[in-house]
């Protein structure tokens, strides 16, 4: 291992986390703009803005599934590649990346076909009404054609960050986001394309990011290179990578299932305005999720590499810094939402009734946001350590065991205002999930540190010799 490649194991942890996390957090903030800028512009389309915003909002579950599949392979394979690099096994790291690339190609083809054939059926199941379905279908028919670009950009960019090239990973997102922000108003308002213009702007922007990512991974600056010889799928590489990526997949894909549950329950007890508010709530939640994931992605190469290199002190130090930074951010954002909910709502709509409704809903929905930094930091660390089982358990606990049942239980308990009770399911689930995660992580993290605290097999062999 050259000095250049070994900086993850030698540079001071605090400085290293700052150097890696700043670009990854910036990338996620840019990615957040990427995800919400369409909705901001669409919500301000004259006359049809409210209905168009709700229609495109119902597309979000499908979009989350597409991005979740990118995480399935990329976010599972990238930490394993970092661990292999820490062990000095460069060939295994490259084979992991090559196999994940092929898996993402296969997934892209399947997803594109499914979205083109069944997108209307999916959207109706996800809570679209007869008033909003036309906008959703128009958006998804175009977005589906860019599925390959989304998969390659998000999935393979994880391997750039995993090598410690955080600034390059940030540029991957920045290229697409800037293009999207520029193209959106041109297509939506300049060419009068409306919702279709937003979709075209998105896929063109993703294509530009995709080209950048693949050119870098095939170029001279990368440590891990995409090589044709590594495209033959190997069970021993693919299955562990997918197992590790399953928790991130569940965390992201389950948002679609949760959106279905929220939207169907809100339509039952409320109206289109309640579903429209939910679109804004999930958009604001990205202000929390994406930067926190960026912090975790910045810490991931440090934790994974040093775990593979059997350096428990650096693993522990990196986690402590990640936890502190995550808690500070989630607490500050929670305070902003509690004090200025109307400002967040006004970003997405000019409708005063919708702003007034969303203002109250935001405070309820995000009541436990300040604890969310603990949840994300622990879950990202599980993934960085290659602990697929614990990471999956944490994801399943919060989403499926707690949140989905609570969406239907809370209106039965608080029957006076059933719509408000639906929104209350989120903070109750967050509080219970964080409590569970803290207990599980305490035991699992100690176990992981203990496993790498003893001498490595190579060192033992040398001593015996």
Foldseek 3Di string as FASTA:
>chain_A
DDPVQCCLPPPDLVVLLCLQLVLLLLLLVLVLCLVCVLLLVQLPDPPCNLLLSLLQLLCQLLVLLLLLVLLLLQVLLLLVLLLCVLLVNNVLSLLLLLQSLLVLVVVLVVSLVCQQPCVLVLSVLLQRDPSRSVSNNLLSNLLSVLSSLSSQLNRLLLNCSLSVNSNLSSVLSVQLSVQLNVQQCCQCPVVVNRSNSSNVSNSVSSNVSNVSSQCVQCDDPDSHHNDPVSNPHDPVSRVLSSLLSVLSSLLRSLVSVLSSLLSVLCVVQHNSLLSSLVSLLVSLVSVLPRSLVSSLSSLLSSLSSCLSNLNLVSNVVSLVVSLVVSLVSQQVSLVCCLVPVLVSQVSRHPDPVSSVVNSVLNCLLCVQSSLVSLLSSLLSSCSSNSVSVLNNVLSCQLRPVQQSVQLVVQCVVVVVRSSSSNSNSNNVSSVVSSVVSVVVSVVVSVVSSVVSNDDDPVVVVVVVD
